[in-house]
Amino acid sequence: MGTEHILLALLREGDGSAATVLTSFGVTYPYVRAAVIRMMGLGVDQAPGELSLTGPAQDVIDRAGREASMGDKPIGTEHILLALVREPNGAAARILLQLDVDPAAVRAALAQ
């Protein structure tokens, strides 16, 4: 599982801060899903229990935990999105770049 899957999950969840901010920048689930398929293909099915994170995806999860602990809060979608826009090496960063989404603008929107 890569950063692109994390981005898809944030959008699919729909009700959190991350989805609200992403859609305000024109980032939609259908667009991201189509971009992932173009970049990665449909993929192969994995047997249950074989799900593993890519290096960048693990970095996002670790960074989200650090973001949340700074405010003594449980990890929320906003922490995951903050971590995601700070990860330059994943597929999610390439997708957001295609949409001209500025990471600094995302961080500012989440801070409001």
C-alpha atoms as a PDB file:
ATOM      1  CA  MET A   1       0.000   0.000   0.000  1.00  0.00           C
ATOM      2  CA  GLY A   2       1.427   3.347  -1.022  1.00  0.00           C
ATOM      3  CA  THR A   3       0.769   7.010  -0.388  1.00  0.00           C
ATOM      4  CA  GLU A   4      -1.708   7.009  -3.274  1.00  0.00           C
ATOM      5  CA  HIS A   5      -3.875   4.545  -1.344  1.00  0.00           C
ATOM      6  CA  ILE A   6      -3.740   6.768   1.733  1.00  0.00           C
ATOM      7  CA  LEU A   7      -4.875   9.706  -0.415  1.00  0.00           C
ATOM      8  CA  LEU A   8      -7.730   7.614  -1.811  1.00  0.00           C
ATOM      9  CA  ALA A   9      -8.768   6.558   1.697  1.00  0.00           C
ATOM     10  CA  LEU A  10      -8.840  10.162   2.930  1.00  0.00           C
ATOM     11  CA  LEU A  11     -11.121  11.118   0.047  1.00  0.00           C
ATOM     12  CA  ARG A  12     -13.302   8.022   0.363  1.00  0.00           C
ATOM     13  CA  GLU A  13     -13.850   8.684   4.076  1.00  0.00           C
ATOM     14  CA  GLY A  14     -15.508  11.910   2.997  1.00  0.00           C
ATOM     15  CA  ASP A  15     -16.467  13.478   6.327  1.00  0.00           C
ATOM     16  CA  GLY A  16     -13.122  14.392   7.832  1.00  0.00           C
ATOM     17  CA  SER A  17     -11.096  17.568   7.690  1.00  0.00           C
ATOM     18  CA  ALA A  18      -8.777  16.055   5.099  1.00  0.00           C
ATOM     19  CA  ALA A  19     -11.555  15.286   2.613  1.00  0.00           C
ATOM     20  CA  THR A  20     -13.021  18.761   3.065  1.00  0.00           C
ATOM     21  CA  VAL A  21      -9.684  20.451   2.407  1.00  0.00           C
ATOM     22  CA  LEU A  22      -8.786  18.184  -0.513  1.00  0.00           C
ATOM     23  CA  THR A  23     -12.099  18.745  -2.283  1.00  0.00           C
ATOM     24  CA  SER A  24     -11.743  22.507  -1.768  1.00  0.00           C
ATOM     25  CA  PHE A  25      -8.571  22.216  -3.885  1.00  0.00           C
ATOM     26  CA  GLY A  26     -10.382  20.220  -6.565  1.00  0.00           C
ATOM     27  CA  VAL A  27      -8.981  16.852  -5.498  1.00  0.00           C
ATOM     28  CA  THR A  28     -11.724  14.259  -5.949  1.00  0.00           C
ATOM     29  CA  TYR A  29     -11.900  10.510  -5.423  1.00  0.00           C
ATOM     30  CA  PRO A  30     -12.705   9.743  -9.094  1.00  0.00           C
ATOM     31  CA  TYR A  31      -9.765  11.844 -10.328  1.00  0.00           C
ATOM     32  CA  VAL A  32      -7.291  10.316  -7.880  1.00  0.00           C
ATOM     33  CA  ARG A  33      -8.524   6.776  -8.566  1.00  0.00           C
ATOM     34  CA  ALA A  34      -8.112   7.295 -12.319  1.00  0.00           C
ATOM     35  CA  ALA A  35      -4.641   8.791 -11.770  1.00  0.00           C
ATOM     36  CA  VAL A  36      -3.616   5.819  -9.629  1.00  0.00           C
ATOM     37  CA  ILE A  37      -4.797   3.374 -12.284  1.00  0.00           C
ATOM     38  CA  ARG A  38      -2.876   5.313 -14.962  1.00  0.00           C
ATOM     39  CA  MET A  39       0.287   5.365 -12.830  1.00  0.00           C
ATOM     40  CA  MET A  40       0.186   1.920 -11.274  1.00  0.00           C
ATOM     41  CA  GLY A  41      -2.295  -0.138 -13.251  1.00  0.00           C
ATOM     42  CA  LEU A  42      -5.090  -2.065 -11.611  1.00  0.00           C
ATOM     43  CA  GLY A  43      -2.643  -4.155  -9.622  1.00  0.00           C
ATOM     44  CA  VAL A  44      -2.903  -7.731  -8.560  1.00  0.00           C
ATOM     45  CA  ASP A  45      -5.025  -9.128  -5.786  1.00  0.00           C
ATOM     46  CA  GLN A  46      -3.225  -9.814  -2.557  1.00  0.00           C
ATOM     47  CA  ALA A  47      -4.160 -12.561  -0.179  1.00  0.00           C
ATOM     48  CA  PRO A  48      -5.418 -11.434   3.235  1.00  0.00           C
ATOM     49  CA  GLY A  49      -2.573 -10.626   5.574  1.00  0.00           C
ATOM     50  CA  GLU A  50      -0.135  -9.701   2.818  1.00  0.00           C
ATOM     51  CA  LEU A  51      -0.751  -5.960   2.935  1.00  0.00           C
ATOM     52  CA  SER A  52       2.412  -3.990   3.537  1.00  0.00           C
ATOM     53  CA  LEU A  53       3.274  -0.312   3.351  1.00  0.00           C
ATOM     54  CA  THR A  54       5.774   1.228   0.977  1.00  0.00           C
ATOM     55  CA  GLY A  55       8.573   3.216   2.587  1.00  0.00           C
ATOM     56  CA  PRO A  56       6.936   6.583   1.855  1.00  0.00           C
ATOM     57  CA  ALA A  57       3.555   5.336   3.150  1.00  0.00           C
ATOM     58  CA  GLN A  58       5.149   4.161   6.403  1.00  0.00           C
ATOM     59  CA  ASP A  59       6.833   7.562   6.700  1.00  0.00           C
ATOM     60  CA  VAL A  60       3.418   9.238   6.345  1.00  0.00           C
ATOM     61  CA  ILE A  61       1.898   7.100   9.111  1.00  0.00           C
ATOM     62  CA  ASP A  62       4.863   7.734  11.414  1.00  0.00           C
ATOM     63  CA  ARG A  63       4.790  11.482  10.715  1.00  0.00           C
ATOM     64  CA  ALA A  64       1.015  11.618  11.307  1.00  0.00           C
ATOM     65  CA  GLY A  65       1.581  10.117  14.748  1.00  0.00           C
ATOM     66  CA  ARG A  66       4.154  12.776  15.534  1.00  0.00           C
ATOM     67  CA  GLU A  67       1.822  15.533  14.268  1.00  0.00           C
ATOM     68  CA  ALA A  68      -0.983  14.289  16.513  1.00  0.00           C
ATOM     69  CA  SER A  69       1.224  13.896  19.589  1.00  0.00           C
ATOM     70  CA  MET A  70       2.270  17.547  19.342  1.00  0.00           C
ATOM     71  CA  GLY A  71      -1.285  18.540  20.199  1.00  0.00           C
ATOM     72  CA  ASP A  72      -2.081  15.635  22.549  1.00  0.00           C
ATOM     73  CA  LYS A  73      -4.847  14.430  20.225  1.00  0.00           C
ATOM     74  CA  PRO A  74      -5.608  11.091  18.612  1.00  0.00           C
ATOM     75  CA  ILE A  75      -4.508  10.786  14.992  1.00  0.00           C
ATOM     76  CA  GLY A  76      -7.136  12.348  12.739  1.00  0.00           C
ATOM     77  CA  THR A  77      -7.465  12.704   9.001  1.00  0.00           C
ATOM     78  CA  GLU A  78      -5.962  16.189   9.268  1.00  0.00           C
ATOM     79  CA  HIS A  79      -2.740  14.745  10.731  1.00  0.00           C
ATOM     80  CA  ILE A  80      -2.546  12.150   7.978  1.00  0.00           C
ATOM     81  CA  LEU A  81      -3.040  14.807   5.290  1.00  0.00           C
ATOM     82  CA  LEU A  82      -0.408  17.067   6.885  1.00  0.00           C
ATOM     83  CA  ALA A  83       2.024  14.166   6.821  1.00  0.00           C
ATOM     84  CA  LEU A  84       1.020  13.241   3.273  1.00  0.00           C
ATOM     85  CA  VAL A  85       1.747  16.692   1.839  1.00  0.00           C
ATOM     86  CA  ARG A  86       5.145  16.646   3.562  1.00  0.00           C
ATOM     87  CA  GLU A  87       6.112  13.364   1.842  1.00  0.00           C
ATOM     88  CA  PRO A  88       7.709  14.285  -1.507  1.00  0.00           C
ATOM     89  CA  ASN A  89       8.593  10.756  -2.606  1.00  0.00           C
ATOM     90  CA  GLY A  90       5.247   9.033  -2.952  1.00  0.00           C
ATOM     91  CA  ALA A  91       2.729   8.701  -5.746  1.00  0.00           C
ATOM     92  CA  ALA A  92       0.309  10.956  -3.840  1.00  0.00           C
ATOM     93  CA  ALA A  93       2.779  13.831  -4.185  1.00  0.00           C
ATOM     94  CA  ARG A  94       2.888  13.302  -7.957  1.00  0.00           C
ATOM     95  CA  ILE A  95      -0.911  13.230  -8.166  1.00  0.00           C
ATOM     96  CA  LEU A  96      -1.267  16.418  -6.111  1.00  0.00           C
ATOM     97  CA  LEU A  97       1.390  18.059  -8.286  1.00  0.00           C
ATOM     98  CA  GLN A  98      -0.644  17.166 -11.404  1.00  0.00           C
ATOM     99  CA  LEU A  99      -3.540  19.097  -9.850  1.00  0.00           C
ATOM    100  CA  ASP A 100      -1.308  22.078  -8.974  1.00  0.00           C
ATOM    101  CA  VAL A 101      -2.054  21.597  -5.275  1.00  0.00           C
ATOM    102  CA  ASP A 102       0.433  23.584  -3.205  1.00  0.00           C
ATOM    103  CA  PRO A 103       1.428  21.703  -0.018  1.00  0.00           C
ATOM    104  CA  ALA A 104       1.845  25.002   1.860  1.00  0.00           C
ATOM    105  CA  ALA A 105      -1.709  26.003   0.926  1.00  0.00           C
ATOM    106  CA  VAL A 106      -3.004  22.650   2.187  1.00  0.00           C
ATOM    107  CA  ARG A 107      -1.171  23.127   5.489  1.00  0.00           C
ATOM    108  CA  ALA A 108      -2.608  26.649   5.799  1.00  0.00           C
ATOM    109  CA  ALA A 109      -6.142  25.409   5.078  1.00  0.00           C
ATOM    110  CA  LEU A 110      -5.816  22.714   7.737  1.00  0.00           C
ATOM    111  CA  ALA A 111      -4.580  25.260  10.284  1.00  0.00           C
ATOM    112  CA  GLN A 112      -7.801  27.296  10.006  1.00  0.00           C
END
